[in-house]
Amino acid sequence: MFKFFLGICFLAISTFSFAEPQTWYFVRHFEKQSGDNPSLTSQGKSRADNLAKYFADKPLTAIFSTEYNRTQETAAPVAMLKMLKTQHYDPRNLSQFADQLKSKNHLLVVGHSNTTPQLIQLMGGTLFVIAEFDFGVLYIMQKNGDKLGVSESIIPL
């Protein structure tokens, strides 16, 4: 009986030790046309298709985007691949949105050059700058226990 109890304890400890980290993905919309509420350029659309390819073998439970054409078009190929509806968030209320995200796992957030760094900082990451013409960086934030890390992956054209 004692060996059985000891085995159960080891199993419980190993389960907690190897718990899957929470993972959030953040990306700034891809290359855009000019004008009010522009759509993506052909390059931006190509990169959005490649973003979907990136997620082909990764789990996603939700996709969030602002209500602008460029962010929705960036998210659309991933949403179609994963058969998820893109949910909208208000980029003027990032603090409340970050609080909502912290309890979720395996999600993609499509934002802008100013909101993506702010949102990552509100999630516990370091503030950084995305230049106006910087496109194609996917920020991968993972939290495992108290450890929080942010890495980057380039989404090609």
Protein backbone atom coordinates (compact mmCIF):
# COMPACT_ATOMS: atom_id res chain seq x y z
CA MET A 1 0.00 0.00 0.00
CA PHE A 2 2.83 2.38 0.88
CA LYS A 3 4.50 1.79 -2.51
CA PHE A 4 1.21 2.55 -4.26
CA PHE A 5 0.81 5.80 -2.29
CA LEU A 6 4.43 6.74 -3.00
CA GLY A 7 3.89 6.08 -6.71
CA ILE A 8 0.82 8.33 -6.76
CA CYS A 9 2.83 11.10 -5.04
CA PHE A 10 5.62 10.86 -7.62
CA LEU A 11 3.08 10.94 -10.43
CA ALA A 12 1.46 14.07 -9.00
CA ILE A 13 4.82 15.79 -8.56
CA SER A 14 5.92 14.93 -12.10
CA THR A 15 2.63 16.20 -13.50
CA PHE A 16 3.13 19.56 -11.82
CA SER A 17 6.79 19.73 -12.81
CA PHE A 18 6.06 19.23 -16.48
CA ALA A 19 2.95 21.36 -16.77
CA GLU A 20 2.53 22.95 -20.17
CA PRO A 21 3.32 26.67 -20.18
CA GLN A 22 0.69 29.25 -21.05
CA THR A 23 1.39 30.53 -24.55
CA TRP A 24 0.25 33.77 -26.13
CA TYR A 25 1.15 34.94 -29.63
CA PHE A 26 1.20 38.63 -30.58
CA VAL A 27 1.72 40.11 -34.02
CA ARG A 28 1.44 43.53 -35.52
CA HIS A 29 -0.68 43.56 -38.69
CA PHE A 30 1.28 43.01 -41.88
CA GLU A 31 2.10 45.35 -44.76
CA LYS A 32 -0.77 47.72 -45.44
CA GLN A 33 -1.94 50.00 -48.21
CA SER A 34 -2.33 53.72 -47.52
CA GLY A 35 -5.46 55.60 -46.59
CA ASP A 36 -8.11 55.43 -43.90
CA ASN A 37 -8.63 51.90 -42.61
CA PRO A 38 -6.45 50.32 -45.33
CA SER A 39 -6.39 46.70 -46.39
CA LEU A 40 -3.25 44.61 -46.65
CA THR A 41 -0.97 44.85 -49.67
CA SER A 42 -0.22 41.73 -51.70
CA GLN A 43 2.92 41.32 -49.56
CA GLY A 44 0.84 41.60 -46.40
CA LYS A 45 -1.62 39.00 -47.69
CA SER A 46 1.25 36.66 -48.54
CA ARG A 47 2.68 37.08 -45.06
CA ALA A 48 -0.78 36.46 -43.52
CA ASP A 49 -0.97 33.17 -45.46
CA ASN A 50 2.46 32.26 -44.09
CA LEU A 51 1.28 33.09 -40.57
CA ALA A 52 -1.43 30.45 -41.04
CA LYS A 53 1.23 27.97 -42.16
CA TYR A 54 3.17 28.74 -38.96
CA PHE A 55 0.12 27.76 -36.90
CA ALA A 56 -0.66 24.60 -38.89
CA ASP A 57 0.78 22.34 -36.18
CA LYS A 58 0.19 24.56 -33.14
CA PRO A 59 -2.92 24.64 -30.99
CA LEU A 60 -4.97 27.84 -30.82
CA THR A 61 -8.09 28.34 -28.75
CA ALA A 62 -8.85 31.95 -29.71
CA ILE A 63 -7.91 34.73 -32.11
CA PHE A 64 -8.28 38.41 -31.26
CA SER A 65 -8.01 41.41 -33.57
CA THR A 66 -8.93 45.06 -33.58
CA GLU A 67 -11.76 46.01 -35.93
CA TYR A 68 -9.49 47.51 -38.60
CA ASN A 69 -9.26 45.93 -42.06
CA ARG A 70 -5.50 45.36 -41.83
CA THR A 71 -5.67 43.45 -38.53
CA GLN A 72 -8.71 41.41 -39.52
CA GLU A 73 -7.07 40.46 -42.84
CA THR A 74 -3.88 39.46 -41.00
CA ALA A 75 -5.88 37.14 -38.73
CA ALA A 76 -8.25 35.75 -41.39
CA PRO A 77 -6.11 32.92 -42.85
CA VAL A 78 -5.30 31.62 -39.35
CA ALA A 79 -8.96 31.82 -38.33
CA MET A 80 -9.98 29.92 -41.44
CA LEU A 81 -7.34 27.23 -40.88
CA LYS A 82 -8.24 26.77 -37.22
CA MET A 83 -11.98 27.21 -37.81
CA LEU A 84 -12.14 29.94 -35.18
CA LYS A 85 -14.07 33.18 -35.23
CA THR A 86 -11.87 36.24 -34.80
CA GLN A 87 -12.97 38.14 -31.71
CA HIS A 88 -12.57 41.91 -31.58
CA TYR A 89 -10.94 43.90 -28.80
CA ASP A 90 -10.75 47.61 -28.10
CA PRO A 91 -7.17 48.90 -28.53
CA ARG A 92 -8.04 51.87 -26.29
CA ASN A 93 -8.63 49.55 -23.32
CA LEU A 94 -5.52 47.37 -23.30
CA SER A 95 -5.22 47.04 -19.53
CA GLN A 96 -8.59 45.32 -19.17
CA PHE A 97 -7.90 43.20 -22.27
CA ALA A 98 -4.54 42.07 -20.86
CA ASP A 99 -6.24 41.00 -17.63
CA GLN A 100 -8.65 38.86 -19.67
CA LEU A 101 -5.82 37.27 -21.67
CA LYS A 102 -3.83 36.23 -18.60
CA SER A 103 -6.32 33.47 -17.79
CA LYS A 104 -6.34 32.08 -21.34
CA ASN A 105 -3.91 29.87 -23.24
CA HIS A 106 -2.93 29.26 -26.87
CA LEU A 107 -4.22 32.45 -28.40
CA LEU A 108 -3.23 34.88 -31.12
CA VAL A 109 -3.62 38.65 -30.81
CA VAL A 110 -3.27 40.83 -33.90
CA GLY A 111 -2.60 44.48 -33.16
CA HIS A 112 -0.65 47.53 -34.23
CA SER A 113 2.86 48.95 -33.92
CA ASN A 114 1.86 50.92 -30.82
CA THR A 115 -0.58 48.51 -29.14
CA THR A 116 1.35 45.24 -29.51
CA PRO A 117 4.34 46.37 -27.39
CA GLN A 118 2.01 47.95 -24.80
CA LEU A 119 -0.03 44.77 -24.54
CA ILE A 120 3.06 42.60 -24.10
CA GLN A 121 4.25 44.94 -21.36
CA LEU A 122 0.86 44.74 -19.62
CA MET A 123 1.16 40.95 -19.77
CA GLY A 124 4.47 41.18 -17.88
CA GLY A 125 7.00 41.51 -20.70
CA THR A 126 9.47 44.28 -21.43
CA LEU A 127 8.37 47.35 -23.36
CA PHE A 128 9.90 47.65 -26.83
CA VAL A 129 9.30 49.65 -30.00
CA ILE A 130 8.00 48.48 -33.38
CA ALA A 131 9.01 50.91 -36.12
CA GLU A 132 6.37 52.00 -38.64
CA PHE A 133 7.86 49.84 -41.40
CA ASP A 134 8.70 46.76 -39.31
CA PHE A 135 6.48 43.86 -40.35
CA GLY A 136 6.58 40.12 -39.94
CA VAL A 137 7.65 39.55 -36.33
CA LEU A 138 5.57 37.16 -34.27
CA TYR A 139 6.12 37.58 -30.52
CA ILE A 140 5.70 34.38 -28.53
CA MET A 141 5.12 34.88 -24.82
CA GLN A 142 5.23 31.85 -22.54
CA LYS A 143 4.62 31.63 -18.82
CA ASN A 144 5.63 28.55 -16.89
CA GLY A 145 4.98 28.99 -13.19
CA ASP A 146 6.64 32.29 -12.27
CA LYS A 147 8.93 32.30 -15.31
CA LEU A 148 7.89 34.53 -18.20
CA GLY A 149 9.73 34.67 -21.51
CA VAL A 150 9.22 36.35 -24.85
CA SER A 151 10.78 35.07 -28.05
CA GLU A 152 10.39 36.10 -31.67
CA SER A 153 9.76 34.29 -34.91
CA ILE A 154 9.92 35.88 -38.35
CA ILE A 155 6.96 35.26 -40.64
CA PRO A 156 8.32 35.36 -44.21
CA LEU A 157 6.73 36.93 -47.28
